Amino acid sequence: MDPISVLVLLLTIFVLAIFVGFEIITKVPPTLHTPLMSGSNAISGIAVIGAILSAGLQHSALTAWLGFGAIVFAMINVMGGFVVTDRMLSMFKKKD
């Protein structure tokens, strides 16, 4: 396959993934959003590991910067998930 065909194929998959993800998220009832956020921390942790590997391999300056950006965004997601989970768990603590 030539590079243009591969690029078109990858972009098509990416756009379809965006639409499927949007449809799935909008169909989730609000009561399940917080537990799903907690579960997404594990997935974001895997993304952090992949981003660290990408930034550390340094095939080029572009891959290093993209890896760094991926680390930043994945860590924001992980920390947000922990904050939401902590807030959710604090609602179930007994009040003195």
PDB file of N, CA and C in Angstrom:
ATOM      1  N   MET A   1       0.841  -1.187   0.000  1.00  0.00           N
ATOM      2  CA  MET A   1       0.000   0.000   0.000  1.00  0.00           C
ATOM      3  C   MET A   1       0.883   1.246   0.000  1.00  0.00           C
ATOM      4  N   ASP A   2       0.431   2.214  -0.728  1.00  0.00           N
ATOM      5  CA  ASP A   2       1.198   3.456  -0.747  1.00  0.00           C
ATOM      6  C   ASP A   2       0.881   4.282   0.511  1.00  0.00           C
ATOM      7  N   PRO A   3       1.739   5.220   0.846  1.00  0.00           N
ATOM      8  CA  PRO A   3       1.572   5.991   2.095  1.00  0.00           C
ATOM      9  C   PRO A   3       0.266   6.779   2.167  1.00  0.00           C
ATOM     10  N   ILE A   4      -0.230   7.245   1.036  1.00  0.00           N
ATOM     11  CA  ILE A   4      -1.485   8.016   1.033  1.00  0.00           C
ATOM     12  C   ILE A   4      -2.653   7.119   1.450  1.00  0.00           C
ATOM     13  N   SER A   5      -2.672   5.884   0.933  1.00  0.00           N
ATOM     14  CA  SER A   5      -3.746   4.952   1.284  1.00  0.00           C
ATOM     15  C   SER A   5      -3.710   4.612   2.770  1.00  0.00           C
ATOM     16  N   VAL A   6      -2.519   4.432   3.292  1.00  0.00           N
ATOM     17  CA  VAL A   6      -2.382   4.125   4.715  1.00  0.00           C
ATOM     18  C   VAL A   6      -2.872   5.307   5.547  1.00  0.00           C
ATOM     19  N   LEU A   7      -2.506   6.523   5.153  1.00  0.00           N
ATOM     20  CA  LEU A   7      -2.935   7.722   5.872  1.00  0.00           C
ATOM     21  C   LEU A   7      -4.457   7.854   5.844  1.00  0.00           C
ATOM     22  N   VAL A   8      -5.060   7.644   4.696  1.00  0.00           N
ATOM     23  CA  VAL A   8      -6.521   7.734   4.579  1.00  0.00           C
ATOM     24  C   VAL A   8      -7.182   6.667   5.446  1.00  0.00           C
ATOM     25  N   LEU A   9      -6.645   5.465   5.451  1.00  0.00           N
ATOM     26  CA  LEU A   9      -7.185   4.386   6.273  1.00  0.00           C
ATOM     27  C   LEU A   9      -7.110   4.739   7.759  1.00  0.00           C
ATOM     28  N   LEU A  10      -5.965   5.234   8.201  1.00  0.00           N
ATOM     29  CA  LEU A  10      -5.798   5.596   9.604  1.00  0.00           C
ATOM     30  C   LEU A  10      -6.690   6.766  10.011  1.00  0.00           C
ATOM     31  N   LEU A  11      -6.826   7.753   9.150  1.00  0.00           N
ATOM     32  CA  LEU A  11      -7.716   8.878   9.442  1.00  0.00           C
ATOM     33  C   LEU A  11      -9.173   8.438   9.502  1.00  0.00           C
ATOM     34  N   THR A  12      -9.557   7.504   8.623  1.00  0.00           N
ATOM     35  CA  THR A  12     -10.919   6.975   8.645  1.00  0.00           C
ATOM     36  C   THR A  12     -11.194   6.256   9.959  1.00  0.00           C
ATOM     37  N   ILE A  13     -10.262   5.436  10.393  1.00  0.00           N
ATOM     38  CA  ILE A  13     -10.421   4.728  11.670  1.00  0.00           C
ATOM     39  C   ILE A  13     -10.509   5.724  12.821  1.00  0.00           C
ATOM     40  N   PHE A  14      -9.681   6.754  12.796  1.00  0.00           N
ATOM     41  CA  PHE A  14      -9.683   7.765  13.854  1.00  0.00           C
ATOM     42  C   PHE A  14     -11.021   8.494  13.921  1.00  0.00           C
ATOM     43  N   VAL A  15     -11.545   8.910  12.775  1.00  0.00           N
ATOM     44  CA  VAL A  15     -12.821   9.628  12.742  1.00  0.00           C
ATOM     45  C   VAL A  15     -13.960   8.718  13.207  1.00  0.00           C
ATOM     46  N   LEU A  16     -13.954   7.463  12.777  1.00  0.00           N
ATOM     47  CA  LEU A  16     -14.983   6.528  13.232  1.00  0.00           C
ATOM     48  C   LEU A  16     -14.899   6.298  14.742  1.00  0.00           C
ATOM     49  N   ALA A  17     -13.694   6.230  15.274  1.00  0.00           N
ATOM     50  CA  ALA A  17     -13.520   6.056  16.719  1.00  0.00           C
ATOM     51  C   ALA A  17     -14.067   7.259  17.486  1.00  0.00           C
ATOM     52  N   ILE A  18     -13.896   8.450  16.935  1.00  0.00           N
ATOM     53  CA  ILE A  18     -14.447   9.655  17.568  1.00  0.00           C
ATOM     54  C   ILE A  18     -15.966   9.567  17.620  1.00  0.00           C
ATOM     55  N   PHE A  19     -16.587   9.216  16.513  1.00  0.00           N
ATOM     56  CA  PHE A  19     -18.052   9.122  16.485  1.00  0.00           C
ATOM     57  C   PHE A  19     -18.566   8.032  17.422  1.00  0.00           C
ATOM     58  N   VAL A  20     -17.943   6.868  17.417  1.00  0.00           N
ATOM     59  CA  VAL A  20     -18.375   5.779  18.293  1.00  0.00           C
ATOM     60  C   VAL A  20     -18.199   6.173  19.757  1.00  0.00           C
ATOM     61  N   GLY A  21     -17.058   6.772  20.105  1.00  0.00           N
ATOM     62  CA  GLY A  21     -16.818   7.207  21.470  1.00  0.00           C
ATOM     63  C   GLY A  21     -17.836   8.239  21.924  1.00  0.00           C
ATOM     64  N   PHE A  22     -18.144   9.187  21.058  1.00  0.00           N
ATOM     65  CA  PHE A  22     -19.138  10.211  21.395  1.00  0.00           C
ATOM     66  C   PHE A  22     -20.499   9.590  21.639  1.00  0.00           C
ATOM     67  N   GLU A  23     -20.902   8.677  20.774  1.00  0.00           N
ATOM     68  CA  GLU A  23     -22.205   8.021  20.928  1.00  0.00           C
ATOM     69  C   GLU A  23     -22.266   7.191  22.206  1.00  0.00           C
ATOM     70  N   ILE A  24     -21.204   6.507  22.528  1.00  0.00           N
ATOM     71  CA  ILE A  24     -21.190   5.689  23.741  1.00  0.00           C
ATOM     72  C   ILE A  24     -21.277   6.566  24.977  1.00  0.00           C
ATOM     73  N   ILE A  25     -20.492   7.635  25.022  1.00  0.00           N
ATOM     74  CA  ILE A  25     -20.465   8.503  26.204  1.00  0.00           C
ATOM     75  C   ILE A  25     -21.802   9.212  26.400  1.00  0.00           C
ATOM     76  N   THR A  26     -22.432   9.649  25.315  1.00  0.00           N
ATOM     77  CA  THR A  26     -23.701  10.360  25.471  1.00  0.00           C
ATOM     78  C   THR A  26     -24.834   9.437  25.900  1.00  0.00           C
ATOM     79  N   LYS A  27     -24.694   8.147  25.705  1.00  0.00           N
ATOM     80  CA  LYS A  27     -25.730   7.190  26.103  1.00  0.00           C
ATOM     81  C   LYS A  27     -25.587   6.716  27.550  1.00  0.00           C
ATOM     82  N   VAL A  28     -24.505   7.069  28.225  1.00  0.00           N
ATOM     83  CA  VAL A  28     -24.289   6.642  29.609  1.00  0.00           C
ATOM     84  C   VAL A  28     -25.107   7.536  30.534  1.00  0.00           C
ATOM     85  N   PRO A  29     -25.896   6.923  31.443  1.00  0.00           N
ATOM     86  CA  PRO A  29     -26.664   7.759  32.380  1.00  0.00           C
ATOM     87  C   PRO A  29     -25.735   8.519  33.331  1.00  0.00           C
ATOM     88  N   PRO A  30     -26.162   9.684  33.791  1.00  0.00           N
ATOM     89  CA  PRO A  30     -25.303  10.501  34.660  1.00  0.00           C
ATOM     90  C   PRO A  30     -24.843   9.792  35.934  1.00  0.00           C
ATOM     91  N   THR A  31     -25.625   8.861  36.440  1.00  0.00           N
ATOM     92  CA  THR A  31     -25.236   8.172  37.674  1.00  0.00           C
ATOM     93  C   THR A  31     -24.037   7.260  37.473  1.00  0.00           C
ATOM     94  N   LEU A  32     -23.731   6.921  36.242  1.00  0.00           N
ATOM     95  CA  LEU A  32     -22.588   6.039  35.974  1.00  0.00           C
ATOM     96  C   LEU A  32     -21.329   6.790  35.562  1.00  0.00           C
ATOM     97  N   HIS A  33     -21.412   8.095  35.390  1.00  0.00           N
ATOM     98  CA  HIS A  33     -20.235   8.838  34.915  1.00  0.00           C
ATOM     99  C   HIS A  33     -19.067   8.764  35.886  1.00  0.00           C
ATOM    100  N   THR A  34     -19.335   8.902  37.185  1.00  0.00           N
ATOM    101  CA  THR A  34     -18.248   8.895  38.155  1.00  0.00           C
ATOM    102  C   THR A  34     -17.552   7.538  38.237  1.00  0.00           C
ATOM    103  N   PRO A  35     -18.283   6.405  38.318  1.00  0.00           N
ATOM    104  CA  PRO A  35     -17.580   5.114  38.311  1.00  0.00           C
ATOM    105  C   PRO A  35     -16.803   4.872  37.014  1.00  0.00           C
ATOM    106  N   LEU A  36     -17.321   5.337  35.896  1.00  0.00           N
ATOM    107  CA  LEU A  36     -16.588   5.175  34.640  1.00  0.00           C
ATOM    108  C   LEU A  36     -15.318   6.019  34.634  1.00  0.00           C
ATOM    109  N   MET A  37     -15.373   7.199  35.249  1.00  0.00           N
ATOM    110  CA  MET A  37     -14.190   8.043  35.354  1.00  0.00           C
ATOM    111  C   MET A  37     -13.129   7.346  36.185  1.00  0.00           C
ATOM    112  N   SER A  38     -13.556   6.668  37.241  1.00  0.00           N
ATOM    113  CA  SER A  38     -12.610   5.937  38.081  1.00  0.00           C
ATOM    114  C   SER A  38     -11.950   4.823  37.286  1.00  0.00           C
ATOM    115  N   GLY A  39     -12.732   4.126  36.490  1.00  0.00           N
ATOM    116  CA  GLY A  39     -12.181   3.039  35.687  1.00  0.00           C
ATOM    117  C   GLY A  39     -11.264   3.527  34.582  1.00  0.00           C
ATOM    118  N   SER A  40     -11.499   4.732  34.101  1.00  0.00           N
ATOM    119  CA  SER A  40     -10.651   5.240  33.030  1.00  0.00           C
ATOM    120  C   SER A  40      -9.246   5.592  33.504  1.00  0.00           C
ATOM    121  N   ASN A  41      -9.044   5.669  34.829  1.00  0.00           N
ATOM    122  CA  ASN A  41      -7.701   5.948  35.343  1.00  0.00           C
ATOM    123  C   ASN A  41      -6.718   4.857  34.932  1.00  0.00           C
ATOM    124  N   ALA A  42      -7.171   3.614  34.934  1.00  0.00           N
ATOM    125  CA  ALA A  42      -6.279   2.518  34.537  1.00  0.00           C
ATOM    126  C   ALA A  42      -5.882   2.661  33.074  1.00  0.00           C
ATOM    127  N   ILE A  43      -6.835   3.016  32.236  1.00  0.00           N
ATOM    128  CA  ILE A  43      -6.538   3.184  30.807  1.00  0.00           C
ATOM    129  C   ILE A  43      -5.596   4.365  30.607  1.00  0.00           C
ATOM    130  N   SER A  44      -5.822   5.445  31.336  1.00  0.00           N
ATOM    131  CA  SER A  44      -4.940   6.601  31.219  1.00  0.00           C
ATOM    132  C   SER A  44      -3.543   6.279  31.730  1.00  0.00           C
ATOM    133  N   GLY A  45      -3.456   5.425  32.744  1.00  0.00           N
ATOM    134  CA  GLY A  45      -2.140   4.991  33.230  1.00  0.00           C
ATOM    135  C   GLY A  45      -1.368   4.250  32.155  1.00  0.00           C
ATOM    136  N   ILE A  46      -2.062   3.432  31.385  1.00  0.00           N
ATOM    137  CA  ILE A  46      -1.415   2.731  30.278  1.00  0.00           C
ATOM    138  C   ILE A  46      -0.970   3.733  29.215  1.00  0.00           C
ATOM    139  N   ALA A  47      -1.801   4.752  28.973  1.00  0.00           N
ATOM    140  CA  ALA A  47      -1.430   5.787  28.001  1.00  0.00           C
ATOM    141  C   ALA A  47      -0.193   6.550  28.463  1.00  0.00           C
ATOM    142  N   VAL A  48      -0.067   6.773  29.778  1.00  0.00           N
ATOM    143  CA  VAL A  48       1.117   7.461  30.306  1.00  0.00           C
ATOM    144  C   VAL A  48       2.360   6.623  30.035  1.00  0.00           C
ATOM    145  N   ILE A  49       2.267   5.324  30.263  1.00  0.00           N
ATOM    146  CA  ILE A  49       3.423   4.450  30.013  1.00  0.00           C
ATOM    147  C   ILE A  49       3.816   4.492  28.542  1.00  0.00           C
ATOM    148  N   GLY A  50       2.833   4.408  27.651  1.00  0.00           N
ATOM    149  CA  GLY A  50       3.128   4.494  26.221  1.00  0.00           C
ATOM    150  C   GLY A  50       3.736   5.828  25.828  1.00  0.00           C
ATOM    151  N   ALA A  51       3.243   6.904  26.434  1.00  0.00           N
ATOM    152  CA  ALA A  51       3.783   8.230  26.135  1.00  0.00           C
ATOM    153  C   ALA A  51       5.212   8.372  26.629  1.00  0.00           C
ATOM    154  N   ILE A  52       5.494   7.806  27.799  1.00  0.00           N
ATOM    155  CA  ILE A  52       6.869   7.851  28.313  1.00  0.00           C
ATOM    156  C   ILE A  52       7.800   7.088  27.383  1.00  0.00           C
ATOM    157  N   LEU A  53       7.339   5.929  26.914  1.00  0.00           N
ATOM    158  CA  LEU A  53       8.163   5.163  25.971  1.00  0.00           C
ATOM    159  C   LEU A  53       8.383   5.942  24.681  1.00  0.00           C
ATOM    160  N   SER A  54       7.328   6.584  24.184  1.00  0.00           N
ATOM    161  CA  SER A  54       7.445   7.351  22.943  1.00  0.00           C
ATOM    162  C   SER A  54       8.400   8.524  23.110  1.00  0.00           C
ATOM    163  N   ALA A  55       8.286   9.230  24.229  1.00  0.00           N
ATOM    164  CA  ALA A  55       9.164  10.378  24.447  1.00  0.00           C
ATOM    165  C   ALA A  55      10.600   9.930  24.685  1.00  0.00           C
ATOM    166  N   GLY A  56      10.772   8.786  25.336  1.00  0.00           N
ATOM    167  CA  GLY A  56      12.110   8.327  25.683  1.00  0.00           C
ATOM    168  C   GLY A  56      12.889   7.730  24.531  1.00  0.00           C
ATOM    169  N   LEU A  57      12.192   7.186  23.533  1.00  0.00           N
ATOM    170  CA  LEU A  57      12.904   6.581  22.407  1.00  0.00           C
ATOM    171  C   LEU A  57      13.586   7.622  21.534  1.00  0.00           C
ATOM    172  N   GLN A  58      12.988   8.788  21.430  1.00  0.00           N
ATOM    173  CA  GLN A  58      13.540   9.926  20.694  1.00  0.00           C
ATOM    174  C   GLN A  58      14.027   9.552  19.302  1.00  0.00           C
ATOM    175  N   HIS A  59      13.107   8.999  18.507  1.00  0.00           N
ATOM    176  CA  HIS A  59      13.445   8.744  17.110  1.00  0.00           C
ATOM    177  C   HIS A  59      13.696  10.054  16.371  1.00  0.00           C
ATOM    178  N   SER A  60      12.952  11.069  16.783  1.00  0.00           N
ATOM    179  CA  SER A  60      13.155  12.413  16.232  1.00  0.00           C
ATOM    180  C   SER A  60      12.673  13.416  17.273  1.00  0.00           C
ATOM    181  N   ALA A  61      12.912  14.675  17.011  1.00  0.00           N
ATOM    182  CA  ALA A  61      12.456  15.709  17.936  1.00  0.00           C
ATOM    183  C   ALA A  61      10.930  15.740  17.984  1.00  0.00           C
ATOM    184  N   LEU A  62      10.284  15.461  16.860  1.00  0.00           N
ATOM    185  CA  LEU A  62       8.820  15.463  16.820  1.00  0.00           C
ATOM    186  C   LEU A  62       8.246  14.390  17.734  1.00  0.00           C
ATOM    187  N   THR A  63       8.798  13.185  17.690  1.00  0.00           N
ATOM    188  CA  THR A  63       8.275  12.119  18.559  1.00  0.00           C
ATOM    189  C   THR A  63       8.517  12.440  20.030  1.00  0.00           C
ATOM    190  N   ALA A  64       9.622  13.071  20.333  1.00  0.00           N
ATOM    191  CA  ALA A  64       9.886  13.449  21.723  1.00  0.00           C
ATOM    192  C   ALA A  64       8.869  14.477  22.205  1.00  0.00           C
ATOM    193  N   TRP A  65       8.566  15.485  21.386  1.00  0.00           N
ATOM    194  CA  TRP A  65       7.598  16.507  21.773  1.00  0.00           C
ATOM    195  C   TRP A  65       6.181  15.957  21.821  1.00  0.00           C
ATOM    196  N   LEU A  66       5.828  15.108  20.872  1.00  0.00           N
ATOM    197  CA  LEU A  66       4.491  14.500  20.903  1.00  0.00           C
ATOM    198  C   LEU A  66       4.348  13.586  22.112  1.00  0.00           C
ATOM    199  N   GLY A  67       5.404  12.855  22.441  1.00  0.00           N
ATOM    200  CA  GLY A  67       5.378  12.018  23.639  1.00  0.00           C
ATOM    201  C   GLY A  67       5.227  12.852  24.900  1.00  0.00           C
ATOM    202  N   PHE A  68       5.930  13.967  24.964  1.00  0.00           N
ATOM    203  CA  PHE A  68       5.817  14.861  26.112  1.00  0.00           C
ATOM    204  C   PHE A  68       4.394  15.409  26.240  1.00  0.00           C
ATOM    205  N   GLY A  69       3.825  15.818  25.106  1.00  0.00           N
ATOM    206  CA  GLY A  69       2.445  16.311  25.124  1.00  0.00           C
ATOM    207  C   GLY A  69       1.471  15.230  25.565  1.00  0.00           C
ATOM    208  N   ALA A  70       1.705  14.018  25.108  1.00  0.00           N
ATOM    209  CA  ALA A  70       0.843  12.904  25.514  1.00  0.00           C
ATOM    210  C   ALA A  70       0.963  12.637  27.009  1.00  0.00           C
ATOM    211  N   ILE A  71       2.167  12.755  27.537  1.00  0.00           N
ATOM    212  CA  ILE A  71       2.352  12.578  28.984  1.00  0.00           C
ATOM    213  C   ILE A  71       1.552  13.636  29.747  1.00  0.00           C
ATOM    214  N   VAL A  72       1.642  14.877  29.323  1.00  0.00           N
ATOM    215  CA  VAL A  72       0.943  15.973  30.008  1.00  0.00           C
ATOM    216  C   VAL A  72      -0.566  15.744  29.993  1.00  0.00           C
ATOM    217  N   PHE A  73      -1.123  15.446  28.806  1.00  0.00           N
ATOM    218  CA  PHE A  73      -2.573  15.276  28.706  1.00  0.00           C
ATOM    219  C   PHE A  73      -3.059  14.030  29.447  1.00  0.00           C
ATOM    220  N   ALA A  74      -2.318  12.950  29.386  1.00  0.00           N
ATOM    221  CA  ALA A  74      -2.722  11.735  30.094  1.00  0.00           C
ATOM    222  C   ALA A  74      -2.651  11.948  31.609  1.00  0.00           C
ATOM    223  N   MET A  75      -1.646  12.668  32.076  1.00  0.00           N
ATOM    224  CA  MET A  75      -1.542  12.923  33.513  1.00  0.00           C
ATOM    225  C   MET A  75      -2.659  13.850  34.003  1.00  0.00           C
ATOM    226  N   ILE A  76      -3.062  14.806  33.178  1.00  0.00           N
ATOM    227  CA  ILE A  76      -4.213  15.645  33.533  1.00  0.00           C
ATOM    228  C   ILE A  76      -5.449  14.768  33.682  1.00  0.00           C
ATOM    229  N   ASN A  77      -5.624  13.823  32.775  1.00  0.00           N
ATOM    230  CA  ASN A  77      -6.760  12.914  32.837  1.00  0.00           C
ATOM    231  C   ASN A  77      -6.699  12.036  34.086  1.00  0.00           C
ATOM    232  N   VAL A  78      -5.514  11.515  34.398  1.00  0.00           N
ATOM    233  CA  VAL A  78      -5.364  10.662  35.578  1.00  0.00           C
ATOM    234  C   VAL A  78      -5.672  11.461  36.844  1.00  0.00           C
ATOM    235  N   MET A  79      -5.120  12.645  36.973  1.00  0.00           N
ATOM    236  CA  MET A  79      -5.348  13.451  38.176  1.00  0.00           C
ATOM    237  C   MET A  79      -6.816  13.862  38.299  1.00  0.00           C
ATOM    238  N   GLY A  80      -7.433  14.195  37.179  1.00  0.00           N
ATOM    239  CA  GLY A  80      -8.861  14.514  37.214  1.00  0.00           C
ATOM    240  C   GLY A  80      -9.684  13.330  37.670  1.00  0.00           C
ATOM    241  N   GLY A  81      -9.310  12.150  37.211  1.00  0.00           N
ATOM    242  CA  GLY A  81     -10.013  10.943  37.636  1.00  0.00           C
ATOM    243  C   GLY A  81      -9.859  10.689  39.118  1.00  0.00           C
ATOM    244  N   PHE A  82      -8.657  10.907  39.643  1.00  0.00           N
ATOM    245  CA  PHE A  82      -8.449  10.722  41.076  1.00  0.00           C
ATOM    246  C   PHE A  82      -9.233  11.743  41.890  1.00  0.00           C
ATOM    247  N   VAL A  83      -9.292  12.976  41.418  1.00  0.00           N
ATOM    248  CA  VAL A  83     -10.045  14.009  42.131  1.00  0.00           C
ATOM    249  C   VAL A  83     -11.529  13.658  42.157  1.00  0.00           C
ATOM    250  N   VAL A  84     -12.062  13.227  41.010  1.00  0.00           N
ATOM    251  CA  VAL A  84     -13.479  12.865  40.942  1.00  0.00           C
ATOM    252  C   VAL A  84     -13.761  11.651  41.823  1.00  0.00           C
ATOM    253  N   THR A  85     -12.874  10.658  41.801  1.00  0.00           N
ATOM    254  CA  THR A  85     -13.058   9.476  42.624  1.00  0.00           C
ATOM    255  C   THR A  85     -13.011   9.832  44.103  1.00  0.00           C
ATOM    256  N   ASP A  86     -12.064  10.666  44.495  1.00  0.00           N
ATOM    257  CA  ASP A  86     -11.973  11.076  45.893  1.00  0.00           C
ATOM    258  C   ASP A  86     -13.230  11.816  46.325  1.00  0.00           C
ATOM    259  N   ARG A  87     -13.720  12.661  45.463  1.00  0.00           N
ATOM    260  CA  ARG A  87     -14.942  13.407  45.769  1.00  0.00           C
ATOM    261  C   ARG A  87     -16.133  12.461  45.914  1.00  0.00           C
ATOM    262  N   MET A  88     -16.197  11.459  45.035  1.00  0.00           N
ATOM    263  CA  MET A  88     -17.285  10.487  45.097  1.00  0.00           C
ATOM    264  C   MET A  88     -17.209   9.681  46.391  1.00  0.00           C
ATOM    265  N   LEU A  89     -16.004   9.233  46.741  1.00  0.00           N
ATOM    266  CA  LEU A  89     -15.854   8.430  47.955  1.00  0.00           C
ATOM    267  C   LEU A  89     -16.117   9.232  49.217  1.00  0.00           C
ATOM    268  N   SER A  90     -15.815  10.523  49.191  1.00  0.00           N
ATOM    269  CA  SER A  90     -16.076  11.350  50.376  1.00  0.00           C
ATOM    270  C   SER A  90     -17.571  11.512  50.631  1.00  0.00           C
ATOM    271  N   MET A  91     -18.393  11.332  49.611  1.00  0.00           N
ATOM    272  CA  MET A  91     -19.839  11.424  49.806  1.00  0.00           C
ATOM    273  C   MET A  91     -20.368  10.254  50.635  1.00  0.00           C
ATOM    274  N   PHE A  92     -19.640   9.137  50.659  1.00  0.00           N
ATOM    275  CA  PHE A  92     -20.091   7.957  51.368  1.00  0.00           C
ATOM    276  C   PHE A  92     -19.490   7.827  52.767  1.00  0.00           C
ATOM    277  N   LYS A  93     -18.638   8.753  53.186  1.00  0.00           N
ATOM    278  CA  LYS A  93     -18.055   8.701  54.527  1.00  0.00           C
ATOM    279  C   LYS A  93     -19.072   9.182  55.544  1.00  0.00           C
ATOM    280  N   LYS A  94     -18.991   8.604  56.732  1.00  0.00           N
ATOM    281  CA  LYS A  94     -19.868   9.041  57.803  1.00  0.00           C
ATOM    282  C   LYS A  94     -19.453  10.417  58.276  1.00  0.00           C
ATOM    283  N   LYS A  95     -20.424  11.241  58.528  1.00  0.00           N
ATOM    284  CA  LYS A  95     -20.140  12.585  59.022  1.00  0.00           C
ATOM    285  C   LYS A  95     -20.192  12.574  60.533  1.00  0.00           C
ATOM    286  N   ASP A  96     -19.189  13.161  61.135  1.00  0.00           N
ATOM    287  CA  ASP A  96     -19.129  13.197  62.608  1.00  0.00           C
ATOM    288  C   ASP A  96     -19.825  14.400  63.164  1.00  0.00           C
TER     289      ASP A  96
END
